[in-house]
Amino acid sequence: MKDVKFQVLWKDRITADVEIKNNKAHIKKYDPDPIRHLFPWENTDAYHVAEILEGRCWPRNRDNINDLLHACGLKEYDVMGIIKATHGCMYNDETWIRFEGENLTYDDVNLRRDW
């Protein structure tokens, strides 16, 4: 996994800062509620972070996976590429990912908003 920095948010509350550098991950948690944490540890490796993030992606064997990847500008299944495109949003919770340099709020990524 490439070096990257991102924040984990619950709605608009930052619950953690994550930095991956040289395949090592450092996670600084801000929220005491364990329900709002994606990562159970503060220091781990990039592999474990990617494993957790893949749980916020579409299944690799989904019937229309190539269409979804194409919509994200991806040619192959790439966990970080999918997370960058979808912000790790899921319909069943309010947790999401914001990457360094982004200025997004929960309203920008919320999948359950009324249209």
Protein backbone atom coordinates (compact mmCIF):
# COMPACT_ATOMS: atom_id res chain seq x y z
CA MET A 1 0.00 0.00 0.00
CA LYS A 2 1.27 3.47 -0.85
CA ASP A 3 1.91 6.05 1.84
CA VAL A 4 -1.34 7.83 2.65
CA LYS A 5 -3.04 9.92 5.33
CA PHE A 6 -6.75 9.94 6.02
CA GLN A 7 -9.29 10.60 8.73
CA VAL A 8 -12.05 8.31 9.91
CA LEU A 9 -15.22 10.21 10.70
CA TRP A 10 -18.57 9.45 12.25
CA LYS A 11 -20.89 11.97 10.65
CA ASP A 12 -18.78 15.14 10.97
CA ARG A 13 -16.84 14.03 14.07
CA ILE A 14 -13.25 12.94 13.50
CA THR A 15 -12.78 9.64 15.31
CA ALA A 16 -9.24 8.87 14.13
CA ASP A 17 -6.30 10.06 12.06
CA VAL A 18 -4.56 7.33 10.12
CA GLU A 19 -1.11 7.57 8.56
CA ILE A 20 0.40 4.77 6.53
CA LYS A 21 4.07 5.13 5.78
CA ASN A 22 6.50 2.41 4.72
CA ASN A 23 3.75 -0.19 5.20
CA LYS A 24 3.36 0.77 8.87
CA ALA A 25 0.12 2.28 10.10
CA HIS A 26 -0.22 4.69 13.00
CA ILE A 27 -3.77 5.36 14.19
CA LYS A 28 -4.55 8.21 16.55
CA LYS A 29 -8.00 7.80 18.09
CA TYR A 30 -10.09 10.75 19.30
CA ASP A 31 -13.43 9.21 20.18
CA PRO A 32 -13.71 7.06 23.33
CA ASP A 33 -16.70 5.11 21.92
CA PRO A 34 -15.38 1.82 20.45
CA ILE A 35 -18.46 1.59 18.20
CA ARG A 36 -17.06 4.49 16.17
CA HIS A 37 -13.66 2.90 15.59
CA LEU A 38 -12.79 1.02 12.42
CA PHE A 39 -9.40 -0.05 13.73
CA PRO A 40 -8.97 -1.76 17.11
CA TRP A 41 -5.27 -0.90 17.40
CA GLU A 42 -3.10 2.20 17.33
CA ASN A 43 -0.11 0.69 15.57
CA THR A 44 -0.29 -2.03 12.95
CA ASP A 45 0.72 -2.66 9.37
CA ALA A 46 -0.84 -1.54 6.11
CA TYR A 47 -2.10 -5.07 5.42
CA HIS A 48 -4.42 -5.01 8.45
CA VAL A 49 -5.71 -1.55 7.55
CA ALA A 50 -6.42 -2.72 4.00
CA GLU A 51 -8.25 -5.77 5.36
CA ILE A 52 -10.59 -3.57 7.40
CA LEU A 53 -11.10 -1.14 4.53
CA GLU A 54 -11.94 -3.96 2.13
CA GLY A 55 -14.93 -4.65 4.33
CA ARG A 56 -16.21 -1.23 3.23
CA CYS A 57 -15.88 -2.15 -0.47
CA TRP A 58 -18.04 -4.20 -2.82
CA PRO A 59 -17.35 -7.92 -2.84
CA ARG A 60 -14.68 -8.92 -5.35
CA ASN A 61 -17.01 -11.51 -6.88
CA ARG A 62 -20.05 -9.22 -7.29
CA ASP A 63 -21.77 -9.76 -10.64
CA ASN A 64 -21.36 -6.18 -11.91
CA ILE A 65 -18.00 -5.49 -10.25
CA ASN A 66 -16.34 -4.41 -13.51
CA ASP A 67 -19.07 -1.82 -14.11
CA LEU A 68 -18.62 -0.45 -10.59
CA LEU A 69 -14.84 -0.32 -10.94
CA HIS A 70 -15.17 1.43 -14.30
CA ALA A 71 -17.51 4.01 -12.70
CA CYS A 72 -14.73 4.71 -10.16
CA GLY A 73 -12.12 5.05 -12.90
CA LEU A 74 -10.44 1.77 -11.94
CA LYS A 75 -9.27 -1.00 -14.25
CA GLU A 76 -8.89 -3.60 -11.52
CA TYR A 77 -10.01 -4.23 -7.95
CA ASP A 78 -8.04 -1.85 -5.73
CA VAL A 79 -9.20 -1.37 -2.15
CA MET A 80 -7.71 2.11 -1.71
CA GLY A 81 -8.96 3.17 -5.14
CA ILE A 82 -12.48 2.10 -4.22
CA ILE A 83 -12.27 3.77 -0.81
CA LYS A 84 -11.02 7.00 -2.39
CA ALA A 85 -13.95 6.97 -4.83
CA THR A 86 -16.66 5.98 -2.33
CA HIS A 87 -15.12 7.38 0.87
CA GLY A 88 -15.86 4.00 2.41
CA CYS A 89 -19.50 4.99 2.84
CA MET A 90 -22.00 2.31 3.62
CA TYR A 91 -25.75 2.60 3.82
CA ASN A 92 -25.93 1.01 7.27
CA ASP A 93 -23.69 3.39 9.24
CA GLU A 94 -22.42 6.96 9.44
CA THR A 95 -18.70 6.15 9.34
CA TRP A 96 -16.69 7.38 6.37
CA ILE A 97 -13.14 8.24 5.22
CA ARG A 98 -11.77 11.68 4.30
CA PHE A 99 -8.37 11.87 2.63
CA GLU A 100 -5.73 14.50 3.17
CA GLY A 101 -6.57 17.62 1.17
CA GLU A 102 -10.30 16.93 0.92
CA ASN A 103 -12.82 19.40 2.27
CA LEU A 104 -15.88 17.15 2.48
CA THR A 105 -18.58 16.93 5.13
CA TYR A 106 -20.95 14.13 6.00
CA ASP A 107 -23.67 15.78 3.90
CA ASP A 108 -21.40 15.45 0.85
CA VAL A 109 -21.02 11.66 1.22
CA ASN A 110 -24.16 10.54 3.09
CA LEU A 111 -25.86 7.72 1.15
CA ARG A 112 -29.17 8.03 3.03
CA ARG A 113 -30.01 11.64 2.33
CA ASP A 114 -33.36 12.45 0.79
CA TRP A 115 -33.17 13.35 -2.86
